[in-house]
């Protein structure tokens, strides 16, 4: 069994996180790593980043329940909304 497909799929995520190592400050690097990993989850889920962020931030601002956070994940995002 080969893991090449999985390794190719996660390579962009890993490379983006590695770029954070060259940030000027530690917190800046950690934040960049988190954001880069988060953004890379859009690609396999075929989500438009702007539409997803807009819908998610709007839901949070209007009182989305923390117990229902799973609904806001990229893999559950309704692309038609």
PDB file of N, CA and C in Angstrom:
ATOM      1  N   UNK A   1       0.844  -1.169   0.000  1.00  0.00           N
ATOM      2  CA  UNK A   1       0.000   0.000   0.000  1.00  0.00           C
ATOM      3  C   UNK A   1       0.894   1.239   0.000  1.00  0.00           C
ATOM      4  N   UNK A   2       0.598   2.166  -0.871  1.00  0.00           N
ATOM      5  CA  UNK A   2       1.393   3.382  -1.006  1.00  0.00           C
ATOM      6  C   UNK A   2       0.702   4.561  -0.338  1.00  0.00           C
ATOM      7  N   UNK A   3       1.491   5.425   0.260  1.00  0.00           N
ATOM      8  CA  UNK A   3       0.946   6.622   0.902  1.00  0.00           C
ATOM      9  C   UNK A   3       1.260   7.875   0.091  1.00  0.00           C
ATOM     10  N   UNK A   4       1.691   7.699  -1.158  1.00  0.00           N
ATOM     11  CA  UNK A   4       2.072   8.846  -1.984  1.00  0.00           C
ATOM     12  C   UNK A   4       0.942   9.838  -2.191  1.00  0.00           C
ATOM     13  N   UNK A   5      -0.271   9.357  -2.369  1.00  0.00           N
ATOM     14  CA  UNK A   5      -1.407  10.254  -2.596  1.00  0.00           C
ATOM     15  C   UNK A   5      -1.612  11.157  -1.391  1.00  0.00           C
ATOM     16  N   UNK A   6      -1.557  10.582  -0.207  1.00  0.00           N
ATOM     17  CA  UNK A   6      -1.744  11.363   1.021  1.00  0.00           C
ATOM     18  C   UNK A   6      -0.590  12.334   1.209  1.00  0.00           C
ATOM     19  N   UNK A   7       0.623  11.870   0.979  1.00  0.00           N
ATOM     20  CA  UNK A   7       1.787  12.739   1.145  1.00  0.00           C
ATOM     21  C   UNK A   7       1.745  13.928   0.188  1.00  0.00           C
ATOM     22  N   UNK A   8       1.323  13.708  -1.048  1.00  0.00           N
ATOM     23  CA  UNK A   8       1.204  14.816  -1.996  1.00  0.00           C
ATOM     24  C   UNK A   8       0.101  15.782  -1.576  1.00  0.00           C
ATOM     25  N   UNK A   9      -0.950  15.257  -0.975  1.00  0.00           N
ATOM     26  CA  UNK A   9      -2.072  16.110  -0.562  1.00  0.00           C
ATOM     27  C   UNK A   9      -1.694  17.031   0.595  1.00  0.00           C
ATOM     28  N   UNK A  10      -0.855  16.553   1.506  1.00  0.00           N
ATOM     29  CA  UNK A  10      -0.515  17.379   2.673  1.00  0.00           C
ATOM     30  C   UNK A  10       0.750  18.209   2.483  1.00  0.00           C
ATOM     31  N   UNK A  11       1.474  18.002   1.383  1.00  0.00           N
ATOM     32  CA  UNK A  11       2.712  18.748   1.150  1.00  0.00           C
ATOM     33  C   UNK A  11       2.513  20.261   1.193  1.00  0.00           C
ATOM     34  N   UNK A  12       1.496  20.847   0.525  1.00  0.00           N
ATOM     35  CA  UNK A  12       1.324  22.312   0.590  1.00  0.00           C
ATOM     36  C   UNK A  12       1.084  22.817   2.013  1.00  0.00           C
ATOM     37  N   UNK A  13       0.371  22.046   2.800  1.00  0.00           N
ATOM     38  CA  UNK A  13       0.105  22.441   4.185  1.00  0.00           C
ATOM     39  C   UNK A  13       1.419  22.503   4.951  1.00  0.00           C
ATOM     40  N   UNK A  14       2.230  21.479   4.810  1.00  0.00           N
ATOM     41  CA  UNK A  14       3.502  21.413   5.522  1.00  0.00           C
ATOM     42  C   UNK A  14       4.447  22.518   5.060  1.00  0.00           C
ATOM     43  N   UNK A  15       4.524  22.751   3.772  1.00  0.00           N
ATOM     44  CA  UNK A  15       5.424  23.804   3.273  1.00  0.00           C
ATOM     45  C   UNK A  15       4.994  25.175   3.759  1.00  0.00           C
ATOM     46  N   UNK A  16       3.700  25.425   3.796  1.00  0.00           N
ATOM     47  CA  UNK A  16       3.223  26.714   4.295  1.00  0.00           C
ATOM     48  C   UNK A  16       3.583  26.900   5.766  1.00  0.00           C
ATOM     49  N   UNK A  17       3.444  25.844   6.546  1.00  0.00           N
ATOM     50  CA  UNK A  17       3.800  25.943   7.958  1.00  0.00           C
ATOM     51  C   UNK A  17       5.288  26.169   8.133  1.00  0.00           C
ATOM     52  N   UNK A  18       6.098  25.536   7.293  1.00  0.00           N
ATOM     53  CA  UNK A  18       7.549  25.714   7.394  1.00  0.00           C
ATOM     54  C   UNK A  18       7.957  27.153   7.093  1.00  0.00           C
ATOM     55  N   UNK A  19       7.223  27.823   6.238  1.00  0.00           N
ATOM     56  CA  UNK A  19       7.515  29.227   5.944  1.00  0.00           C
ATOM     57  C   UNK A  19       7.393  30.076   7.203  1.00  0.00           C
ATOM     58  N   UNK A  20       6.568  29.653   8.134  1.00  0.00           N
ATOM     59  CA  UNK A  20       6.369  30.392   9.376  1.00  0.00           C
ATOM     60  C   UNK A  20       7.632  30.388  10.237  1.00  0.00           C
ATOM     61  N   UNK A  21       8.528  29.459   9.997  1.00  0.00           N
ATOM     62  CA  UNK A  21       9.770  29.407  10.775  1.00  0.00           C
ATOM     63  C   UNK A  21      10.626  30.643  10.562  1.00  0.00           C
ATOM     64  N   UNK A  22      10.431  31.315   9.432  1.00  0.00           N
ATOM     65  CA  UNK A  22      11.246  32.473   9.107  1.00  0.00           C
ATOM     66  C   UNK A  22      10.586  33.789   9.496  1.00  0.00           C
ATOM     67  N   UNK A  23       9.525  33.717  10.282  1.00  0.00           N
ATOM     68  CA  UNK A  23       8.870  34.930  10.767  1.00  0.00           C
ATOM     69  C   UNK A  23       9.790  35.612  11.779  1.00  0.00           C
ATOM     70  N   UNK A  24       9.623  36.898  11.909  1.00  0.00           N
ATOM     71  CA  UNK A  24      10.504  37.674  12.785  1.00  0.00           C
ATOM     72  C   UNK A  24      10.292  37.357  14.264  1.00  0.00           C
ATOM     73  N   UNK A  25       9.043  37.127  14.656  1.00  0.00           N
ATOM     74  CA  UNK A  25       8.731  36.876  16.054  1.00  0.00           C
ATOM     75  C   UNK A  25       8.057  35.517  16.200  1.00  0.00           C
ATOM     76  N   UNK A  26       8.202  34.905  17.374  1.00  0.00           N
ATOM     77  CA  UNK A  26       7.622  33.579  17.607  1.00  0.00           C
ATOM     78  C   UNK A  26       6.110  33.573  17.446  1.00  0.00           C
ATOM     79  N   UNK A  27       5.435  34.544  18.061  1.00  0.00           N
ATOM     80  CA  UNK A  27       3.970  34.585  17.962  1.00  0.00           C
ATOM     81  C   UNK A  27       3.509  34.775  16.524  1.00  0.00           C
ATOM     82  N   UNK A  28       4.240  35.575  15.797  1.00  0.00           N
ATOM     83  CA  UNK A  28       3.913  35.822  14.390  1.00  0.00           C
ATOM     84  C   UNK A  28       4.015  34.511  13.589  1.00  0.00           C
ATOM     85  N   UNK A  29       5.048  33.746  13.855  1.00  0.00           N
ATOM     86  CA  UNK A  29       5.237  32.467  13.178  1.00  0.00           C
ATOM     87  C   UNK A  29       4.154  31.469  13.525  1.00  0.00           C
ATOM     88  N   UNK A  30       3.776  31.415  14.791  1.00  0.00           N
ATOM     89  CA  UNK A  30       2.709  30.499  15.220  1.00  0.00           C
ATOM     90  C   UNK A  30       1.386  30.881  14.559  1.00  0.00           C
ATOM     91  N   UNK A  31       1.097  32.171  14.547  1.00  0.00           N
ATOM     92  CA  UNK A  31      -0.153  32.626  13.922  1.00  0.00           C
ATOM     93  C   UNK A  31      -0.162  32.315  12.429  1.00  0.00           C
ATOM     94  N   UNK A  32       0.960  32.566  11.754  1.00  0.00           N
ATOM     95  CA  UNK A  32       1.035  32.272  10.327  1.00  0.00           C
ATOM     96  C   UNK A  32       0.824  30.775  10.076  1.00  0.00           C
ATOM     97  N   UNK A  33       1.434  29.943  10.888  1.00  0.00           N
ATOM     98  CA  UNK A  33       1.280  28.495  10.749  1.00  0.00           C
ATOM     99  C   UNK A  33      -0.165  28.052  10.904  1.00  0.00           C
ATOM    100  N   UNK A  34      -0.843  28.627  11.880  1.00  0.00           N
ATOM    101  CA  UNK A  34      -2.261  28.292  12.091  1.00  0.00           C
ATOM    102  C   UNK A  34      -3.125  28.738  10.913  1.00  0.00           C
ATOM    103  N   UNK A  35      -2.913  29.957  10.474  1.00  0.00           N
ATOM    104  CA  UNK A  35      -3.714  30.486   9.371  1.00  0.00           C
ATOM    105  C   UNK A  35      -3.442  29.704   8.085  1.00  0.00           C
ATOM    106  N   UNK A  36      -2.186  29.407   7.820  1.00  0.00           N
ATOM    107  CA  UNK A  36      -1.839  28.663   6.610  1.00  0.00           C
ATOM    108  C   UNK A  36      -2.465  27.274   6.623  1.00  0.00           C
ATOM    109  N   UNK A  37      -2.419  26.599   7.758  1.00  0.00           N
ATOM    110  CA  UNK A  37      -3.031  25.272   7.858  1.00  0.00           C
ATOM    111  C   UNK A  37      -4.535  25.357   7.653  1.00  0.00           C
ATOM    112  N   UNK A  38      -5.136  26.376   8.235  1.00  0.00           N
ATOM    113  CA  UNK A  38      -6.577  26.559   8.108  1.00  0.00           C
ATOM    114  C   UNK A  38      -6.973  26.820   6.658  1.00  0.00           C
ATOM    115  N   UNK A  39      -6.229  27.692   5.999  1.00  0.00           N
ATOM    116  CA  UNK A  39      -6.533  28.024   4.606  1.00  0.00           C
ATOM    117  C   UNK A  39      -6.347  26.811   3.698  1.00  0.00           C
ATOM    118  N   UNK A  40      -5.359  25.988   3.978  1.00  0.00           N
ATOM    119  CA  UNK A  40      -5.124  24.813   3.140  1.00  0.00           C
ATOM    120  C   UNK A  40      -6.270  23.798   3.245  1.00  0.00           C
ATOM    121  N   UNK A  41      -7.086  23.867   4.297  1.00  0.00           N
ATOM    122  CA  UNK A  41      -8.219  22.944   4.398  1.00  0.00           C
ATOM    123  C   UNK A  41      -9.315  23.308   3.407  1.00  0.00           C
ATOM    124  N   UNK A  42      -9.275  24.509   2.844  1.00  0.00           N
ATOM    125  CA  UNK A  42     -10.269  24.898   1.839  1.00  0.00           C
ATOM    126  C   UNK A  42     -10.121  24.066   0.569  1.00  0.00           C
ATOM    127  N   UNK A  43      -8.886  23.837   0.169  1.00  0.00           N
ATOM    128  CA  UNK A  43      -8.614  23.200  -1.122  1.00  0.00           C
ATOM    129  C   UNK A  43      -9.258  21.821  -1.263  1.00  0.00           C
ATOM    130  N   UNK A  44      -9.000  20.868  -0.361  1.00  0.00           N
ATOM    131  CA  UNK A  44      -9.616  19.549  -0.555  1.00  0.00           C
ATOM    132  C   UNK A  44     -11.133  19.561  -0.360  1.00  0.00           C
ATOM    133  N   UNK A  45     -11.651  20.607   0.253  1.00  0.00           N
ATOM    134  CA  UNK A  45     -13.090  20.699   0.489  1.00  0.00           C
ATOM    135  C   UNK A  45     -13.797  21.558  -0.556  1.00  0.00           C
ATOM    136  N   UNK A  46     -13.040  22.039  -1.549  1.00  0.00           N
ATOM    137  CA  UNK A  46     -13.597  22.861  -2.639  1.00  0.00           C
ATOM    138  C   UNK A  46     -14.415  24.043  -2.127  1.00  0.00           C
ATOM    139  N   UNK A  47     -13.848  24.759  -1.182  1.00  0.00           N
ATOM    140  CA  UNK A  47     -14.521  25.902  -0.574  1.00  0.00           C
ATOM    141  C   UNK A  47     -13.843  27.185  -1.046  1.00  0.00           C
ATOM    142  N   UNK A  48     -14.633  28.187  -1.384  1.00  0.00           N
ATOM    143  CA  UNK A  48     -14.096  29.505  -1.740  1.00  0.00           C
ATOM    144  C   UNK A  48     -13.763  30.216  -0.424  1.00  0.00           C
ATOM    145  N   UNK A  49     -12.482  30.547  -0.193  1.00  0.00           N
ATOM    146  CA  UNK A  49     -12.078  31.113   1.097  1.00  0.00           C
ATOM    147  C   UNK A  49     -12.883  32.339   1.541  1.00  0.00           C
ATOM    148  N   UNK A  50     -13.083  33.299   0.644  1.00  0.00           N
ATOM    149  CA  UNK A  50     -13.790  34.515   1.035  1.00  0.00           C
ATOM    150  C   UNK A  50     -15.226  34.206   1.449  1.00  0.00           C
ATOM    151  N   UNK A  51     -15.915  33.396   0.680  1.00  0.00           N
ATOM    152  CA  UNK A  51     -17.309  33.050   0.991  1.00  0.00           C
ATOM    153  C   UNK A  51     -17.397  32.313   2.324  1.00  0.00           C
ATOM    154  N   UNK A  52     -16.460  31.416   2.552  1.00  0.00           N
ATOM    155  CA  UNK A  52     -16.455  30.655   3.798  1.00  0.00           C
ATOM    156  C   UNK A  52     -16.198  31.571   5.000  1.00  0.00           C
ATOM    157  N   UNK A  53     -15.164  32.407   4.897  1.00  0.00           N
ATOM    158  CA  UNK A  53     -14.855  33.306   6.019  1.00  0.00           C
ATOM    159  C   UNK A  53     -15.999  34.277   6.287  1.00  0.00           C
ATOM    160  N   UNK A  54     -16.591  34.804   5.224  1.00  0.00           N
ATOM    161  CA  UNK A  54     -17.708  35.729   5.389  1.00  0.00           C
ATOM    162  C   UNK A  54     -18.872  35.052   6.118  1.00  0.00           C
ATOM    163  N   UNK A  55     -19.240  33.861   5.679  1.00  0.00           N
ATOM    164  CA  UNK A  55     -20.364  33.139   6.300  1.00  0.00           C
ATOM    165  C   UNK A  55     -20.047  32.742   7.732  1.00  0.00           C
ATOM    166  N   UNK A  56     -18.828  32.305   7.979  1.00  0.00           N
ATOM    167  CA  UNK A  56     -18.440  31.860   9.323  1.00  0.00           C
ATOM    168  C   UNK A  56     -18.393  33.033  10.298  1.00  0.00           C
ATOM    169  N   UNK A  57     -17.775  34.132   9.903  1.00  0.00           N
ATOM    170  CA  UNK A  57     -17.702  35.292  10.793  1.00  0.00           C
ATOM    171  C   UNK A  57     -19.082  35.891  11.045  1.00  0.00           C
ATOM    172  N   UNK A  58     -19.925  35.874  10.036  1.00  0.00           N
ATOM    173  CA  UNK A  58     -21.293  36.357  10.210  1.00  0.00           C
ATOM    174  C   UNK A  58     -22.057  35.473  11.201  1.00  0.00           C
ATOM    175  N   UNK A  59     -21.886  34.161  11.099  1.00  0.00           N
ATOM    176  CA  UNK A  59     -22.558  33.238  12.024  1.00  0.00           C
ATOM    177  C   UNK A  59     -22.084  33.459  13.458  1.00  0.00           C
ATOM    178  N   UNK A  60     -20.783  33.656  13.622  1.00  0.00           N
ATOM    179  CA  UNK A  60     -20.241  33.891  14.967  1.00  0.00           C
ATOM    180  C   UNK A  60     -20.762  35.213  15.525  1.00  0.00           C
ATOM    181  N   UNK A  61     -20.792  36.252  14.683  1.00  0.00           N
ATOM    182  CA  UNK A  61     -21.257  37.572  15.125  1.00  0.00           C
ATOM    183  C   UNK A  61     -22.733  37.573  15.501  1.00  0.00           C
ATOM    184  N   UNK A  62     -23.511  36.691  14.889  1.00  0.00           N
ATOM    185  CA  UNK A  62     -24.947  36.649  15.180  1.00  0.00           C
ATOM    186  C   UNK A  62     -25.300  35.627  16.246  1.00  0.00           C
ATOM    187  N   UNK A  63     -24.286  35.099  16.947  1.00  0.00           N
ATOM    188  CA  UNK A  63     -24.551  34.255  18.108  1.00  0.00           C
ATOM    189  C   UNK A  63     -24.587  32.763  17.865  1.00  0.00           C
ATOM    190  N   UNK A  64     -23.814  32.276  16.904  1.00  0.00           N
ATOM    191  CA  UNK A  64     -23.750  30.833  16.670  1.00  0.00           C
ATOM    192  C   UNK A  64     -23.281  30.143  17.952  1.00  0.00           C
ATOM    193  N   UNK A  65     -23.921  29.059  18.312  1.00  0.00           N
ATOM    194  CA  UNK A  65     -23.593  28.356  19.554  1.00  0.00           C
ATOM    195  C   UNK A  65     -22.253  27.621  19.445  1.00  0.00           C
ATOM    196  N   UNK A  66     -21.432  27.753  20.477  1.00  0.00           N
ATOM    197  CA  UNK A  66     -20.131  27.088  20.494  1.00  0.00           C
ATOM    198  C   UNK A  66     -20.291  25.566  20.460  1.00  0.00           C
ATOM    199  N   UNK A  67     -21.372  25.059  21.006  1.00  0.00           N
ATOM    200  CA  UNK A  67     -21.614  23.616  21.018  1.00  0.00           C
ATOM    201  C   UNK A  67     -21.860  23.078  19.606  1.00  0.00           C
ATOM    202  N   UNK A  68     -22.174  23.965  18.660  1.00  0.00           N
ATOM    203  CA  UNK A  68     -22.444  23.545  17.280  1.00  0.00           C
ATOM    204  C   UNK A  68     -21.311  23.977  16.339  1.00  0.00           C
ATOM    205  N   UNK A  69     -20.098  24.021  16.844  1.00  0.00           N
ATOM    206  CA  UNK A  69     -18.954  24.485  16.062  1.00  0.00           C
ATOM    207  C   UNK A  69     -18.690  23.600  14.847  1.00  0.00           C
ATOM    208  N   UNK A  70     -19.027  22.326  14.933  1.00  0.00           N
ATOM    209  CA  UNK A  70     -18.806  21.397  13.828  1.00  0.00           C
ATOM    210  C   UNK A  70     -19.512  21.852  12.546  1.00  0.00           C
ATOM    211  N   UNK A  71     -20.639  22.523  12.703  1.00  0.00           N
ATOM    212  CA  UNK A  71     -21.401  23.007  11.551  1.00  0.00           C
ATOM    213  C   UNK A  71     -20.590  24.035  10.753  1.00  0.00           C
ATOM    214  N   UNK A  72     -19.696  24.758  11.421  1.00  0.00           N
ATOM    215  CA  UNK A  72     -18.928  25.824  10.772  1.00  0.00           C
ATOM    216  C   UNK A  72     -17.622  25.350  10.128  1.00  0.00           C
ATOM    217  N   UNK A  73     -17.296  24.089  10.255  1.00  0.00           N
ATOM    218  CA  UNK A  73     -16.052  23.583   9.683  1.00  0.00           C
ATOM    219  C   UNK A  73     -16.111  23.571   8.152  1.00  0.00           C
ATOM    220  N   UNK A  74     -14.976  23.741   7.480  1.00  0.00           N
ATOM    221  CA  UNK A  74     -14.972  23.815   6.012  1.00  0.00           C
ATOM    222  C   UNK A  74     -15.595  22.620   5.318  1.00  0.00           C
ATOM    223  N   UNK A  75     -15.426  21.431   5.874  1.00  0.00           N
ATOM    224  CA  UNK A  75     -15.970  20.231   5.231  1.00  0.00           C
ATOM    225  C   UNK A  75     -17.491  20.144   5.365  1.00  0.00           C
ATOM    226  N   UNK A  76     -18.091  20.972   6.213  1.00  0.00           N
ATOM    227  CA  UNK A  76     -19.547  21.013   6.350  1.00  0.00           C
ATOM    228  C   UNK A  76     -20.153  22.271   5.727  1.00  0.00           C
ATOM    229  N   UNK A  77     -19.312  23.107   5.157  1.00  0.00           N
ATOM    230  CA  UNK A  77     -19.784  24.369   4.598  1.00  0.00           C
ATOM    231  C   UNK A  77     -20.634  24.134   3.369  1.00  0.00           C
ATOM    232  N   UNK A  78     -21.792  24.763   3.326  1.00  0.00           N
ATOM    233  CA  UNK A  78     -22.689  24.669   2.177  1.00  0.00           C
ATOM    234  C   UNK A  78     -22.219  25.657   1.127  1.00  0.00           C
ATOM    235  N   UNK A  79     -21.622  25.141   0.071  1.00  0.00           N
ATOM    236  CA  UNK A  79     -21.039  25.999  -0.973  1.00  0.00           C
ATOM    237  C   UNK A  79     -22.065  26.826  -1.706  1.00  0.00           C
ATOM    238  N   UNK A  80     -23.323  26.430  -1.670  1.00  0.00           N
ATOM    239  CA  UNK A  80     -24.395  27.132  -2.379  1.00  0.00           C
ATOM    240  C   UNK A  80     -24.908  28.332  -1.594  1.00  0.00           C
ATOM    241  N   UNK A  81     -24.636  28.367  -0.297  1.00  0.00           N
ATOM    242  CA  UNK A  81     -25.201  29.433   0.559  1.00  0.00           C
ATOM    243  C   UNK A  81     -24.541  30.758   0.304  1.00  0.00           C
TER     244      UNK A  81
END
